[in-house]
């Protein structure tokens, strides 16, 4: 019986924490979907950053993949307040620079 009481208290506590997180996201002026997209984009940004530092020359297909993924990251980051991603600013700018370089090279080829 005591175990059931503890389980109920834990479930209620988890529900309260989820509601608190939801309210905080809404107070920040975001949708939960946008915040979740930002979290996923943050992970992708880390991968793109490592990729952009590791490879100087990319094949045409790799360039397209990089451009596509970078555009998704930029879109997600633009939907959340800048305050959330100040720590990732340098990575964002490095990926943006690589994105611009690839776009310029592809534009010159056409």
Protein backbone atom coordinates (compact mmCIF):
# COMPACT_ATOMS: atom_id res chain seq x y z
CA UNK A 1 0.00 0.00 0.00
CA UNK A 2 2.87 2.36 0.82
CA UNK A 3 4.50 1.49 -2.49
CA UNK A 4 1.34 2.47 -4.37
CA UNK A 5 1.27 5.80 -2.53
CA UNK A 6 4.87 6.51 -3.49
CA UNK A 7 4.13 5.65 -7.14
CA UNK A 8 1.12 8.00 -7.19
CA UNK A 9 3.18 10.81 -5.66
CA UNK A 10 5.93 10.28 -8.25
CA UNK A 11 3.40 10.33 -11.10
CA UNK A 12 1.86 13.55 -9.79
CA UNK A 13 5.33 15.08 -9.38
CA UNK A 14 6.27 14.18 -12.96
CA UNK A 15 3.00 15.68 -14.21
CA UNK A 16 3.65 18.89 -12.28
CA UNK A 17 7.20 19.15 -13.70
CA UNK A 18 5.90 18.62 -17.24
CA UNK A 19 3.30 21.35 -16.78
CA UNK A 20 5.94 23.67 -15.34
CA UNK A 21 8.17 23.09 -18.38
CA UNK A 22 5.21 23.71 -20.70
CA UNK A 23 4.37 26.97 -18.96
CA UNK A 24 8.01 28.12 -19.11
CA UNK A 25 8.15 27.43 -22.85
CA UNK A 26 4.91 29.37 -23.38
CA UNK A 27 6.16 32.29 -21.25
CA UNK A 28 9.25 32.44 -23.46
CA UNK A 29 6.89 32.95 -26.40
CA UNK A 30 7.53 29.63 -28.12
CA UNK A 31 5.52 26.63 -29.15
CA UNK A 32 6.48 23.28 -27.70
CA UNK A 33 6.99 21.95 -31.23
CA UNK A 34 9.43 24.81 -32.01
CA UNK A 35 11.34 24.14 -28.80
CA UNK A 36 11.60 20.43 -29.61
CA UNK A 37 12.78 21.30 -33.13
CA UNK A 38 15.40 23.57 -31.58
CA UNK A 39 16.69 20.75 -29.39
CA UNK A 40 17.00 18.44 -32.41
CA UNK A 41 18.58 21.24 -34.47
CA UNK A 42 21.10 21.86 -31.71
CA UNK A 43 22.29 18.27 -32.01
CA UNK A 44 22.43 18.60 -35.79
CA UNK A 45 24.37 21.84 -35.44
CA UNK A 46 27.04 20.01 -33.46
CA UNK A 47 27.34 17.39 -36.21
CA UNK A 48 27.45 20.01 -38.97
CA UNK A 49 30.06 21.98 -37.06
CA UNK A 50 32.33 18.95 -36.74
CA UNK A 51 31.70 18.08 -40.37
CA UNK A 52 32.49 21.61 -41.58
CA UNK A 53 35.77 21.64 -39.65
CA UNK A 54 36.79 18.19 -40.80
CA UNK A 55 36.20 18.42 -44.54
CA UNK A 56 37.42 21.21 -46.76
CA UNK A 57 36.37 19.75 -50.12
CA UNK A 58 32.95 18.16 -50.34
CA UNK A 59 31.47 16.17 -53.16
CA UNK A 60 28.42 17.60 -54.88
CA UNK A 61 26.12 15.21 -53.03
CA UNK A 62 27.73 16.00 -49.67
CA UNK A 63 27.27 19.70 -50.39
CA UNK A 64 23.56 19.21 -51.04
CA UNK A 65 23.14 17.23 -47.84
CA UNK A 66 25.07 19.86 -45.86
CA UNK A 67 22.98 22.68 -47.35
CA UNK A 68 19.72 20.89 -46.64
CA UNK A 69 20.60 20.08 -43.03
CA UNK A 70 21.98 23.57 -42.41
CA UNK A 71 18.77 25.17 -43.67
CA UNK A 72 16.76 23.04 -41.23
CA UNK A 73 19.04 24.14 -38.39
CA UNK A 74 18.81 27.82 -39.35
CA UNK A 75 15.01 27.61 -39.52
CA UNK A 76 14.75 25.97 -36.08
CA UNK A 77 17.17 28.45 -34.50
CA UNK A 78 15.24 31.40 -35.93
CA UNK A 79 12.05 30.25 -34.20
CA UNK A 80 13.45 30.50 -30.68
CA UNK A 81 14.76 33.51 -28.75
CA UNK A 82 18.44 34.30 -29.23
CA UNK A 83 18.98 34.03 -25.49
CA UNK A 84 18.55 30.24 -25.70
CA UNK A 85 21.40 29.71 -28.11
CA UNK A 86 24.01 32.32 -27.17
CA UNK A 87 26.39 29.54 -26.17
CA UNK A 88 26.09 27.97 -29.61
CA UNK A 89 26.57 31.26 -31.48
CA UNK A 90 30.11 30.56 -32.65
CA UNK A 91 29.20 27.12 -33.97
CA UNK A 92 26.17 28.62 -35.69
CA UNK A 93 28.30 31.28 -37.37
CA UNK A 94 30.94 28.74 -38.47
CA UNK A 95 28.27 26.54 -40.03
CA UNK A 96 26.69 29.61 -41.62
CA UNK A 97 30.05 30.61 -43.12
CA UNK A 98 30.54 27.11 -44.57
CA UNK A 99 26.95 27.23 -45.87
CA UNK A 100 27.62 30.55 -47.60
CA UNK A 101 30.89 29.25 -49.08
CA UNK A 102 29.17 26.19 -50.53
CA UNK A 103 26.30 28.30 -51.89
CA UNK A 104 28.78 30.65 -53.54
CA UNK A 105 30.75 27.82 -55.13
CA UNK A 106 27.57 26.19 -56.41
CA UNK A 107 26.32 29.52 -57.73
CA UNK A 108 29.58 30.15 -59.58
CA UNK A 109 29.37 26.72 -61.24
CA UNK A 110 25.93 27.49 -62.66
